[in-house]
C-alpha atoms as a PDB file:
ATOM      1  CA  MET A   1       0.060  -0.077  -0.062  1.00  0.00           C
ATOM      2  CA  ILE A   2       2.598   2.576   1.037  1.00  0.00           C
ATOM      3  CA  ASN A   3       4.972   1.847  -1.944  1.00  0.00           C
ATOM      4  CA  ASP A   4       3.393   4.430  -4.093  1.00  0.00           C
ATOM      5  CA  LEU A   5       4.226   7.288  -1.550  1.00  0.00           C
ATOM      6  CA  LYS A   6       7.367   9.133  -2.422  1.00  0.00           C
ATOM      7  CA  LEU A   7       9.385   9.780   0.642  1.00  0.00           C
ATOM      8  CA  MET A   8      12.456  12.116   1.114  1.00  0.00           C
ATOM      9  CA  PRO A   9      15.692  10.073   1.448  1.00  0.00           C
ATOM     10  CA  LYS A  10      16.198  10.944   5.180  1.00  0.00           C
ATOM     11  CA  THR A  11      12.786   9.424   6.057  1.00  0.00           C
ATOM     12  CA  GLU A  12      13.313   6.172   4.126  1.00  0.00           C
ATOM     13  CA  ALA A  13      15.132   4.388   6.865  1.00  0.00           C
ATOM     14  CA  PHE A  14      12.537   5.428   9.492  1.00  0.00           C
ATOM     15  CA  HIS A  15       9.797   4.389   6.955  1.00  0.00           C
ATOM     16  CA  ARG A  16      11.433   0.942   6.556  1.00  0.00           C
ATOM     17  CA  TYR A  17      11.802   0.538  10.274  1.00  0.00           C
ATOM     18  CA  LEU A  18       8.164   1.316  10.792  1.00  0.00           C
ATOM     19  CA  LYS A  19       7.071  -1.063   7.899  1.00  0.00           C
ATOM     20  CA  GLN A  20       8.956  -3.924   9.515  1.00  0.00           C
ATOM     21  CA  SER A  21       7.911  -3.024  13.136  1.00  0.00           C
ATOM     22  CA  SER A  22       5.397  -5.101  15.190  1.00  0.00           C
ATOM     23  CA  GLY A  23       1.903  -3.891  15.738  1.00  0.00           C
ATOM     24  CA  VAL A  24       2.768  -3.177  19.355  1.00  0.00           C
ATOM     25  CA  VAL A  25       5.576  -0.789  18.395  1.00  0.00           C
ATOM     26  CA  LEU A  26       3.328   1.030  15.697  1.00  0.00           C
ATOM     27  CA  ILE A  27       0.541   1.296  18.162  1.00  0.00           C
ATOM     28  CA  SER A  28       2.856   2.657  20.808  1.00  0.00           C
ATOM     29  CA  ILE A  29       4.263   5.276  18.560  1.00  0.00           C
ATOM     30  CA  PHE A  30       0.945   6.415  17.416  1.00  0.00           C
ATOM     31  CA  VAL A  31      -0.520   6.795  20.873  1.00  0.00           C
ATOM     32  CA  ILE A  32       2.444   8.550  22.271  1.00  0.00           C
ATOM     33  CA  GLY A  33       2.685  10.695  19.272  1.00  0.00           C
ATOM     34  CA  ASN A  34      -0.965  11.756  19.451  1.00  0.00           C
ATOM     35  CA  LEU A  35      -0.707  12.343  23.148  1.00  0.00           C
ATOM     36  CA  ILE A  36       2.224  14.831  22.554  1.00  0.00           C
ATOM     37  CA  SER A  37       0.337  16.421  19.737  1.00  0.00           C
ATOM     38  CA  SER A  38      -2.739  16.775  22.018  1.00  0.00           C
ATOM     39  CA  ILE A  39      -0.608  18.628  24.469  1.00  0.00           C
ATOM     40  CA  VAL A  40       0.933  20.914  21.740  1.00  0.00           C
ATOM     41  CA  PHE A  41      -2.558  21.771  20.294  1.00  0.00           C
ATOM     42  CA  ALA A  42      -4.057  22.156  23.643  1.00  0.00           C
ATOM     43  CA  LEU A  43      -1.486  24.792  24.576  1.00  0.00           C
ATOM     44  CA  LEU A  44      -1.804  26.579  21.217  1.00  0.00           C
ATOM     45  CA  SER A  45      -5.628  26.462  21.762  1.00  0.00           C
ATOM     46  CA  LYS A  46      -5.329  27.937  25.280  1.00  0.00           C
ATOM     47  CA  LYS A  47      -2.829  30.610  24.205  1.00  0.00           C
ATOM     48  CA  PHE A  48      -4.410  31.790  21.015  1.00  0.00           C
ATOM     49  CA  GLY A  49      -7.974  30.473  20.887  1.00  0.00           C
ATOM     50  CA  HIS A  50      -9.364  30.563  24.455  1.00  0.00           C
ATOM     51  CA  HIS A  51     -10.855  27.171  23.906  1.00  0.00           C
ATOM     52  CA  ARG A  52     -10.014  23.995  25.451  1.00  0.00           C
ATOM     53  CA  LEU A  53      -8.989  21.303  23.041  1.00  0.00           C
ATOM     54  CA  SER A  54     -11.523  18.974  24.699  1.00  0.00           C
ATOM     55  CA  ASP A  55     -14.611  21.156  24.070  1.00  0.00           C
ATOM     56  CA  GLY A  56     -16.031  18.614  21.769  1.00  0.00           C
ATOM     57  CA  PHE A  57     -16.009  15.842  24.308  1.00  0.00           C
ATOM     58  CA  GLU A  58     -18.123  17.686  26.806  1.00  0.00           C
ATOM     59  CA  GLN A  59     -21.041  17.418  24.473  1.00  0.00           C
ATOM     60  CA  LEU A  60     -21.412  13.622  24.957  1.00  0.00           C
ATOM     61  CA  ASN A  61     -23.533  11.605  27.297  1.00  0.00           C
ATOM     62  CA  SER A  62     -22.974   9.713  30.461  1.00  0.00           C
ATOM     63  CA  PRO A  63     -19.490   8.334  31.370  1.00  0.00           C
ATOM     64  CA  LYS A  64     -20.578   4.806  30.511  1.00  0.00           C
ATOM     65  CA  VAL A  65     -22.140   5.677  27.148  1.00  0.00           C
ATOM     66  CA  ASP A  66     -19.070   7.949  26.387  1.00  0.00           C
ATOM     67  CA  PHE A  67     -16.790   5.075  27.153  1.00  0.00           C
ATOM     68  CA  TRP A  68     -18.559   2.760  24.655  1.00  0.00           C
ATOM     69  CA  ILE A  69     -18.725   5.355  21.947  1.00  0.00           C
ATOM     70  CA  LEU A  70     -15.225   6.767  22.266  1.00  0.00           C
ATOM     71  CA  ILE A  71     -13.261   3.615  22.923  1.00  0.00           C
ATOM     72  CA  LEU A  72     -15.131   1.010  20.958  1.00  0.00           C
ATOM     73  CA  ILE A  73     -17.638   2.288  18.558  1.00  0.00           C
ATOM     74  CA  ALA A  74     -15.995   5.490  17.098  1.00  0.00           C
ATOM     75  CA  PRO A  75     -12.588   3.951  16.223  1.00  0.00           C
ATOM     76  CA  VAL A  76     -14.255   1.060  14.356  1.00  0.00           C
ATOM     77  CA  PHE A  77     -16.568   3.071  12.255  1.00  0.00           C
ATOM     78  CA  GLU A  78     -14.013   5.930  11.719  1.00  0.00           C
ATOM     79  CA  THR A  79     -11.330   3.556  10.662  1.00  0.00           C
ATOM     80  CA  ILE A  80     -13.717   1.839   8.303  1.00  0.00           C
ATOM     81  CA  ILE A  81     -14.878   5.195   6.773  1.00  0.00           C
ATOM     82  CA  PHE A  82     -11.905   7.374   6.912  1.00  0.00           C
ATOM     83  CA  GLN A  83      -9.041   5.123   6.481  1.00  0.00           C
ATOM     84  CA  TYR A  84     -10.364   2.007   4.621  1.00  0.00           C
ATOM     85  CA  ALA A  85     -13.130   3.477   2.496  1.00  0.00           C
ATOM     86  CA  ILE A  86     -11.466   6.801   1.576  1.00  0.00           C
ATOM     87  CA  ILE A  87      -7.910   5.615   1.224  1.00  0.00           C
ATOM     88  CA  GLU A  88      -8.819   2.445  -0.757  1.00  0.00           C
ATOM     89  CA  THR A  89     -11.037   4.309  -3.050  1.00  0.00           C
ATOM     90  CA  PHE A  90      -8.774   7.262  -3.821  1.00  0.00           C
ATOM     91  CA  ARG A  91      -5.372   5.521  -3.927  1.00  0.00           C
ATOM     92  CA  LYS A  92      -6.634   3.660  -7.010  1.00  0.00           C
ATOM     93  CA  ARG A  93      -7.937   6.892  -8.706  1.00  0.00           C
ATOM     94  CA  LYS A  94      -5.221   9.251  -7.723  1.00  0.00           C
ATOM     95  CA  SER A  95      -2.303   8.265  -5.464  1.00  0.00           C
ATOM     96  CA  LEU A  96      -1.821   7.002  -1.834  1.00  0.00           C
ATOM     97  CA  GLY A  97      -0.451  10.377  -0.765  1.00  0.00           C
ATOM     98  CA  PHE A  98      -3.668  12.116  -2.092  1.00  0.00           C
ATOM     99  CA  ALA A  99      -5.877   9.672  -0.508  1.00  0.00           C
ATOM    100  CA  CYS A 100      -4.135   9.876   2.937  1.00  0.00           C
ATOM    101  CA  VAL A 101      -4.535  13.774   2.826  1.00  0.00           C
ATOM    102  CA  LEU A 102      -7.982  13.574   1.790  1.00  0.00           C
ATOM    103  CA  SER A 103      -8.797  11.025   4.451  1.00  0.00           C
ATOM    104  CA  ALA A 104      -7.186  13.314   7.095  1.00  0.00           C
ATOM    105  CA  ILE A 105      -8.941  16.450   5.987  1.00  0.00           C
ATOM    106  CA  ILE A 106     -12.356  14.757   6.012  1.00  0.00           C
ATOM    107  CA  PHE A 107     -11.400  13.141   9.442  1.00  0.00           C
ATOM    108  CA  GLY A 108     -10.654  16.615  10.676  1.00  0.00           C
ATOM    109  CA  LEU A 109     -13.914  18.094   9.384  1.00  0.00           C
ATOM    110  CA  SER A 110     -15.796  15.377  11.196  1.00  0.00           C
ATOM    111  CA  HIS A 111     -14.200  16.533  14.434  1.00  0.00           C
ATOM    112  CA  LEU A 112     -14.781  20.222  13.929  1.00  0.00           C
ATOM    113  CA  TYR A 113     -15.393  21.124  17.636  1.00  0.00           C
ATOM    114  CA  ASN A 114     -13.160  24.192  17.403  1.00  0.00           C
ATOM    115  CA  PHE A 115     -10.239  25.331  15.027  1.00  0.00           C
ATOM    116  CA  TYR A 116      -7.568  23.816  17.080  1.00  0.00           C
ATOM    117  CA  TYR A 117      -9.208  20.530  17.484  1.00  0.00           C
ATOM    118  CA  PHE A 118      -9.719  20.448  13.733  1.00  0.00           C
ATOM    119  CA  LEU A 119      -5.898  20.962  13.195  1.00  0.00           C
ATOM    120  CA  PHE A 120      -5.242  18.312  15.730  1.00  0.00           C
ATOM    121  CA  ALA A 121      -7.709  15.892  14.052  1.00  0.00           C
ATOM    122  CA  VAL A 122      -6.080  16.459  10.718  1.00  0.00           C
ATOM    123  CA  CYS A 123      -2.663  15.681  12.078  1.00  0.00           C
ATOM    124  CA  SER A 124      -4.194  12.622  13.894  1.00  0.00           C
ATOM    125  CA  GLY A 125      -5.969  11.650  10.760  1.00  0.00           C
ATOM    126  CA  LEU A 126      -2.583  11.804   8.704  1.00  0.00           C
ATOM    127  CA  SER A 127      -0.942   9.561  11.251  1.00  0.00           C
ATOM    128  CA  MET A 128      -3.732   7.037  11.301  1.00  0.00           C
ATOM    129  CA  ALA A 129      -3.832   6.992   7.433  1.00  0.00           C
ATOM    130  CA  TYR A 130      -0.100   6.382   7.392  1.00  0.00           C
ATOM    131  CA  LEU A 131      -0.435   3.680  10.042  1.00  0.00           C
ATOM    132  CA  PHE A 132      -3.219   2.148   8.128  1.00  0.00           C
ATOM    133  CA  SER A 133      -1.164   2.175   4.849  1.00  0.00           C
ATOM    134  CA  LEU A 134       1.926   0.394   6.469  1.00  0.00           C
ATOM    135  CA  ARG A 135       0.403  -2.991   6.321  1.00  0.00           C
ATOM    136  CA  LYS A 136      -0.147  -5.143   3.246  1.00  0.00           C
ATOM    137  CA  SER A 137      -2.837  -7.135   4.891  1.00  0.00           C
ATOM    138  CA  LEU A 138      -6.232  -5.234   5.224  1.00  0.00           C
ATOM    139  CA  TRP A 139      -7.057  -6.997   8.401  1.00  0.00           C
ATOM    140  CA  SER A 140      -3.779  -6.148   9.964  1.00  0.00           C
ATOM    141  CA  ALA A 141      -4.013  -2.587   8.979  1.00  0.00           C
ATOM    142  CA  LEU A 142      -7.712  -2.336  10.319  1.00  0.00           C
ATOM    143  CA  PHE A 143      -6.797  -4.055  13.510  1.00  0.00           C
ATOM    144  CA  ILE A 144      -3.705  -1.996  14.145  1.00  0.00           C
ATOM    145  CA  THR A 145      -5.392   1.312  13.293  1.00  0.00           C
ATOM    146  CA  ILE A 146      -8.616   0.534  15.409  1.00  0.00           C
ATOM    147  CA  THR A 147      -6.442  -0.532  18.356  1.00  0.00           C
ATOM    148  CA  ALA A 148      -4.310   2.521  18.223  1.00  0.00           C
ATOM    149  CA  HIS A 149      -7.302   4.908  17.873  1.00  0.00           C
ATOM    150  CA  SER A 150      -9.012   3.083  20.742  1.00  0.00           C
ATOM    151  CA  LEU A 151      -6.022   3.294  23.034  1.00  0.00           C
ATOM    152  CA  TYR A 152      -5.554   6.945  22.207  1.00  0.00           C
ATOM    153  CA  ASN A 153      -9.277   7.647  22.950  1.00  0.00           C
ATOM    154  CA  LEU A 154      -9.002   5.666  26.224  1.00  0.00           C
ATOM    155  CA  CYS A 155      -6.050   7.880  27.437  1.00  0.00           C
ATOM    156  CA  VAL A 156      -8.199  11.049  26.454  1.00  0.00           C
ATOM    157  CA  TYR A 157     -11.207   9.593  28.160  1.00  0.00           C
ATOM    158  CA  LEU A 158      -9.387   8.827  31.373  1.00  0.00           C
ATOM    159  CA  LEU A 159      -7.590  12.245  31.418  1.00  0.00           C
ATOM    160  CA  ILE A 160     -10.872  14.047  30.833  1.00  0.00           C
ATOM    161  CA  ASN A 161     -12.881  12.030  33.371  1.00  0.00           C
ATOM    162  CA  ASN A 162     -10.177  12.427  36.129  1.00  0.00           C
ATOM    163  CA  ASN A 163     -10.238  16.192  35.692  1.00  0.00           C
ATOM    164  CA  SER A 164     -13.999  16.519  35.813  1.00  0.00           C
END
């Protein structure tokens, strides 16, 4: 899947490393990277936008319903819609790079709680699209992407519910 992305020479070694990495390594890198990205965008949001990055999460239901939606249901549906359907459709018509960027932008638009959360969601969508495209097996790609997304959402859920 990822072979039709053109990479800069300095990133090729890292790309090869990721492609050969276990699912646990990929999931860990994704979750840690997204948590760091969350902190950066939360600081930007607070400094410039006077919004909290988590504003969208406060519009949800009870903690139990939120748990099921954020940790189980949303990652499955979002991976199928944003990574599988969009990437697989547009990589055949255009290119994998185009498909990944389109997937990330649409993912960001679906998370348009505020401007900074949109920017964060686009970055997160790009990392999920890349994560999805690293595996040749569709089932492996789906499993790793859904698991990484679920674990990241679990971290956010626990942080938000501990601060409430």
